[in-house]
N, C-alpha and C. Protein backbone atom coordinates (compact mmCIF):
# COMPACT_ATOMS: atom_id res chain seq x y z
N UNK A 1 0.84 -1.18 0.00
CA UNK A 1 0.00 0.00 0.00
C UNK A 1 0.88 1.24 0.00
N UNK A 2 0.60 2.19 -0.89
CA UNK A 2 1.42 3.39 -0.96
C UNK A 2 1.01 4.39 0.10
N UNK A 3 1.94 5.27 0.44
CA UNK A 3 1.63 6.28 1.45
C UNK A 3 0.75 7.37 0.84
N UNK A 4 0.16 8.17 1.69
CA UNK A 4 -0.69 9.27 1.25
C UNK A 4 0.13 10.30 0.50
N UNK A 5 -0.50 10.97 -0.48
CA UNK A 5 0.21 12.08 -1.13
C UNK A 5 0.59 13.13 -0.08
N UNK A 6 1.64 13.86 -0.36
CA UNK A 6 2.15 14.85 0.60
C UNK A 6 1.08 15.86 1.00
N UNK A 7 0.28 16.32 0.03
CA UNK A 7 -0.74 17.33 0.36
C UNK A 7 -1.80 16.76 1.30
N UNK A 8 -2.12 15.50 1.13
CA UNK A 8 -3.13 14.86 1.99
C UNK A 8 -2.59 14.72 3.42
N UNK A 9 -1.34 14.29 3.55
CA UNK A 9 -0.71 14.18 4.86
C UNK A 9 -0.58 15.56 5.50
N UNK A 10 -0.23 16.57 4.70
CA UNK A 10 -0.08 17.94 5.22
C UNK A 10 -1.41 18.49 5.70
N UNK A 11 -2.48 18.21 4.97
CA UNK A 11 -3.80 18.66 5.41
C UNK A 11 -4.16 18.01 6.73
N UNK A 12 -3.90 16.72 6.86
CA UNK A 12 -4.18 16.03 8.11
C UNK A 12 -3.41 16.61 9.27
N UNK A 13 -2.16 16.93 9.03
CA UNK A 13 -1.32 17.53 10.07
C UNK A 13 -1.87 18.90 10.46
N UNK A 14 -2.31 19.68 9.47
CA UNK A 14 -2.86 21.01 9.74
C UNK A 14 -4.16 20.91 10.55
N UNK A 15 -5.00 19.95 10.21
CA UNK A 15 -6.26 19.76 10.94
C UNK A 15 -5.97 19.39 12.39
N UNK A 16 -5.09 18.42 12.58
CA UNK A 16 -4.80 17.97 13.94
C UNK A 16 -4.15 19.09 14.76
N UNK A 17 -3.21 19.81 14.17
CA UNK A 17 -2.54 20.89 14.89
C UNK A 17 -3.54 21.97 15.33
N UNK A 18 -4.45 22.33 14.42
CA UNK A 18 -5.45 23.36 14.78
C UNK A 18 -6.40 22.83 15.85
N UNK A 19 -6.83 21.58 15.71
CA UNK A 19 -7.72 21.00 16.72
C UNK A 19 -7.06 21.02 18.09
N UNK A 20 -5.78 20.68 18.14
CA UNK A 20 -5.05 20.69 19.40
C UNK A 20 -4.84 22.11 19.93
N UNK A 21 -4.64 23.09 19.03
CA UNK A 21 -4.55 24.50 19.45
C UNK A 21 -5.82 24.92 20.17
N UNK A 22 -6.95 24.43 19.68
CA UNK A 22 -8.25 24.77 20.27
C UNK A 22 -8.60 23.88 21.46
N UNK A 23 -7.71 22.93 21.76
CA UNK A 23 -7.90 21.99 22.89
C UNK A 23 -9.21 21.21 22.77
N UNK A 24 -9.43 20.70 21.56
CA UNK A 24 -10.63 19.91 21.30
C UNK A 24 -10.25 18.47 20.99
N UNK A 25 -11.15 17.58 21.32
CA UNK A 25 -10.97 16.18 20.95
C UNK A 25 -11.54 15.97 19.55
N UNK A 26 -11.22 14.82 18.96
CA UNK A 26 -11.82 14.48 17.67
C UNK A 26 -13.34 14.40 17.80
N UNK A 27 -13.81 13.89 18.90
CA UNK A 27 -15.26 13.78 19.11
C UNK A 27 -15.91 15.16 19.17
N UNK A 28 -15.27 16.10 19.86
CA UNK A 28 -15.82 17.46 19.91
C UNK A 28 -15.84 18.08 18.52
N UNK A 29 -14.76 17.87 17.77
CA UNK A 29 -14.69 18.40 16.41
C UNK A 29 -15.77 17.75 15.53
N UNK A 30 -15.99 16.47 15.72
CA UNK A 30 -17.04 15.77 14.98
C UNK A 30 -18.41 16.39 15.28
N UNK A 31 -18.68 16.63 16.54
CA UNK A 31 -19.95 17.24 16.93
C UNK A 31 -20.11 18.64 16.34
N UNK A 32 -19.04 19.42 16.38
CA UNK A 32 -19.07 20.79 15.88
C UNK A 32 -19.22 20.86 14.36
N UNK A 33 -18.69 19.86 13.66
CA UNK A 33 -18.69 19.88 12.20
C UNK A 33 -19.81 19.05 11.57
N UNK A 34 -20.38 18.14 12.34
CA UNK A 34 -21.38 17.24 11.78
C UNK A 34 -20.77 16.11 10.99
N UNK A 35 -19.48 15.91 11.17
CA UNK A 35 -18.76 14.83 10.49
C UNK A 35 -18.46 13.73 11.51
N UNK A 36 -18.22 12.54 11.04
CA UNK A 36 -17.99 11.40 11.94
C UNK A 36 -16.57 11.44 12.51
N UNK A 37 -16.44 11.07 13.77
CA UNK A 37 -15.13 11.08 14.44
C UNK A 37 -14.11 10.20 13.70
N UNK A 38 -14.52 9.04 13.25
CA UNK A 38 -13.58 8.16 12.54
C UNK A 38 -13.11 8.79 11.23
N UNK A 39 -14.01 9.50 10.56
CA UNK A 39 -13.65 10.19 9.32
C UNK A 39 -12.60 11.26 9.62
N UNK A 40 -12.80 12.01 10.71
CA UNK A 40 -11.83 13.04 11.10
C UNK A 40 -10.48 12.38 11.41
N UNK A 41 -10.50 11.27 12.11
CA UNK A 41 -9.26 10.54 12.39
C UNK A 41 -8.56 10.16 11.09
N UNK A 42 -9.32 9.69 10.12
CA UNK A 42 -8.73 9.31 8.84
C UNK A 42 -8.16 10.50 8.08
N UNK A 43 -8.79 11.66 8.20
CA UNK A 43 -8.24 12.88 7.58
C UNK A 43 -6.93 13.24 8.27
N UNK A 44 -6.94 13.23 9.60
CA UNK A 44 -5.74 13.60 10.36
C UNK A 44 -4.56 12.68 10.08
N UNK A 45 -4.81 11.44 9.77
CA UNK A 45 -3.72 10.50 9.49
C UNK A 45 -3.40 10.40 8.00
N UNK A 46 -4.05 11.24 7.19
CA UNK A 46 -3.77 11.27 5.76
C UNK A 46 -4.41 10.14 4.97
N UNK A 47 -5.36 9.44 5.57
CA UNK A 47 -6.01 8.33 4.87
C UNK A 47 -7.22 8.77 4.05
N UNK A 48 -7.74 9.96 4.33
CA UNK A 48 -8.90 10.48 3.60
C UNK A 48 -8.58 11.84 3.03
N UNK A 49 -9.13 12.10 1.87
CA UNK A 49 -8.99 13.40 1.22
C UNK A 49 -10.39 14.00 1.14
N UNK A 50 -10.71 15.00 1.96
CA UNK A 50 -12.08 15.50 2.03
C UNK A 50 -12.54 16.22 0.77
N UNK A 51 -13.83 16.13 0.52
CA UNK A 51 -14.44 16.92 -0.56
C UNK A 51 -14.42 18.39 -0.13
N UNK A 52 -14.72 19.26 -1.08
CA UNK A 52 -14.73 20.69 -0.76
C UNK A 52 -15.78 21.01 0.30
N UNK A 53 -16.95 20.40 0.19
CA UNK A 53 -18.00 20.64 1.17
C UNK A 53 -17.58 20.21 2.57
N UNK A 54 -16.97 19.03 2.67
CA UNK A 54 -16.50 18.54 3.97
C UNK A 54 -15.36 19.40 4.50
N UNK A 55 -14.50 19.85 3.61
CA UNK A 55 -13.40 20.72 4.01
C UNK A 55 -13.93 22.02 4.61
N UNK A 56 -14.97 22.56 4.00
CA UNK A 56 -15.56 23.81 4.53
C UNK A 56 -16.18 23.58 5.90
N UNK A 57 -16.87 22.47 6.09
CA UNK A 57 -17.48 22.16 7.40
C UNK A 57 -16.40 21.96 8.45
N UNK A 58 -15.33 21.27 8.07
CA UNK A 58 -14.22 21.03 8.98
C UNK A 58 -13.54 22.35 9.36
N UNK A 59 -13.25 23.16 8.36
CA UNK A 59 -12.60 24.45 8.62
C UNK A 59 -13.46 25.33 9.52
N UNK A 60 -14.76 25.37 9.26
CA UNK A 60 -15.66 26.17 10.07
C UNK A 60 -15.62 25.73 11.54
N UNK A 61 -15.63 24.42 11.76
CA UNK A 61 -15.56 23.89 13.13
C UNK A 61 -14.21 24.19 13.78
N UNK A 62 -13.18 24.40 12.96
CA UNK A 62 -11.85 24.75 13.47
C UNK A 62 -11.66 26.27 13.55
N UNK A 63 -12.75 27.00 13.33
CA UNK A 63 -12.75 28.47 13.40
C UNK A 63 -11.78 29.08 12.39
N UNK A 64 -11.75 28.48 11.19
CA UNK A 64 -10.94 28.97 10.09
C UNK A 64 -11.81 28.99 8.83
N UNK A 65 -11.35 29.71 7.82
CA UNK A 65 -11.98 29.57 6.50
C UNK A 65 -11.29 28.39 5.82
N UNK A 66 -11.92 27.88 4.78
CA UNK A 66 -11.31 26.78 4.04
C UNK A 66 -9.95 27.21 3.48
N UNK A 67 -9.87 28.44 3.00
CA UNK A 67 -8.59 28.91 2.44
C UNK A 67 -7.51 29.03 3.51
N UNK A 68 -7.88 29.40 4.73
CA UNK A 68 -6.89 29.46 5.82
C UNK A 68 -6.38 28.07 6.17
N UNK A 69 -7.28 27.09 6.20
CA UNK A 69 -6.88 25.72 6.49
C UNK A 69 -5.97 25.18 5.39
N UNK A 70 -6.33 25.45 4.14
CA UNK A 70 -5.49 25.02 3.01
C UNK A 70 -4.13 25.70 3.07
N UNK A 71 -4.10 26.98 3.42
CA UNK A 71 -2.82 27.71 3.52
C UNK A 71 -1.93 27.08 4.58
N UNK A 72 -2.51 26.66 5.69
CA UNK A 72 -1.72 25.99 6.74
C UNK A 72 -1.16 24.67 6.21
N UNK A 73 -1.99 23.93 5.48
CA UNK A 73 -1.52 22.66 4.89
C UNK A 73 -0.41 22.90 3.89
N UNK A 74 -0.54 23.95 3.09
CA UNK A 74 0.49 24.28 2.10
C UNK A 74 1.81 24.64 2.77
N UNK A 75 1.75 25.34 3.89
CA UNK A 75 2.98 25.68 4.63
C UNK A 75 3.66 24.41 5.12
N UNK A 76 2.87 23.48 5.63
CA UNK A 76 3.42 22.22 6.12
C UNK A 76 4.02 21.43 4.97
N UNK A 77 3.29 21.37 3.86
CA UNK A 77 3.78 20.63 2.68
C UNK A 77 5.07 21.25 2.16
N UNK A 78 5.15 22.57 2.14
CA UNK A 78 6.34 23.26 1.64
C UNK A 78 7.56 23.02 2.52
N UNK A 79 7.32 22.69 3.80
CA UNK A 79 8.45 22.46 4.71
C UNK A 79 9.15 21.13 4.41
N UNK A 80 8.52 20.31 3.59
CA UNK A 80 9.17 19.07 3.15
C UNK A 80 8.62 17.83 3.82
N UNK A 81 8.84 16.69 3.17
CA UNK A 81 8.29 15.42 3.67
C UNK A 81 8.81 15.03 5.05
N UNK A 82 10.04 15.32 5.34
CA UNK A 82 10.60 14.94 6.65
C UNK A 82 9.88 15.71 7.76
N UNK A 83 9.61 17.00 7.52
CA UNK A 83 8.93 17.80 8.54
C UNK A 83 7.47 17.36 8.70
N UNK A 84 6.82 17.01 7.60
CA UNK A 84 5.44 16.52 7.68
C UNK A 84 5.39 15.22 8.44
N UNK A 85 6.30 14.31 8.14
CA UNK A 85 6.34 13.02 8.85
C UNK A 85 6.64 13.24 10.33
N UNK A 86 7.55 14.15 10.62
CA UNK A 86 7.91 14.45 12.01
C UNK A 86 6.70 15.02 12.74
N UNK A 87 5.95 15.92 12.09
CA UNK A 87 4.78 16.52 12.73
C UNK A 87 3.72 15.47 13.00
N UNK A 88 3.52 14.56 12.06
CA UNK A 88 2.54 13.49 12.25
C UNK A 88 2.98 12.58 13.38
N UNK A 89 4.27 12.21 13.42
CA UNK A 89 4.80 11.35 14.47
C UNK A 89 4.71 12.04 15.82
N UNK A 90 5.06 13.32 15.88
CA UNK A 90 5.00 14.06 17.13
C UNK A 90 3.56 14.16 17.62
N UNK A 91 2.63 14.41 16.71
CA UNK A 91 1.22 14.49 17.08
C UNK A 91 0.71 13.16 17.58
N UNK A 92 1.15 12.07 16.96
CA UNK A 92 0.70 10.74 17.36
C UNK A 92 1.22 10.39 18.76
N UNK A 93 2.38 10.91 19.11
CA UNK A 93 2.96 10.63 20.41
C UNK A 93 2.29 11.42 21.53
N UNK A 94 1.57 12.51 21.14
CA UNK A 94 0.92 13.37 22.14
C UNK A 94 -0.27 12.71 22.78
C-alpha cells in the first residue's frame, strides 16, 4: 500500500494541529462539524482526502476559513516530507 500524497498528509497535520490548538478532541470536532469522528481521524492520518463541502465544514468547526486551512496545509507541505512526517509522528505521540 502506498503512502498518502504529501498534500493529503499535510492537510491532516494542519487539521490535527489546529484541533489541538483549540484543545478539542476528535469527538468534539465531529460534533461541531457534523462529520464522523472516525472520518476526522482518517483525515488527520492522511487516509482520507475531504471533498470541498466537507473541508468547509471542517474548517468552520476549526474556526478557520477553508482557504486558511489550506494555507496551513500548504505551509506544512512546503516544509518538506521529513517535517510533515515528524509533525505526524510528534502528534501521534501526544
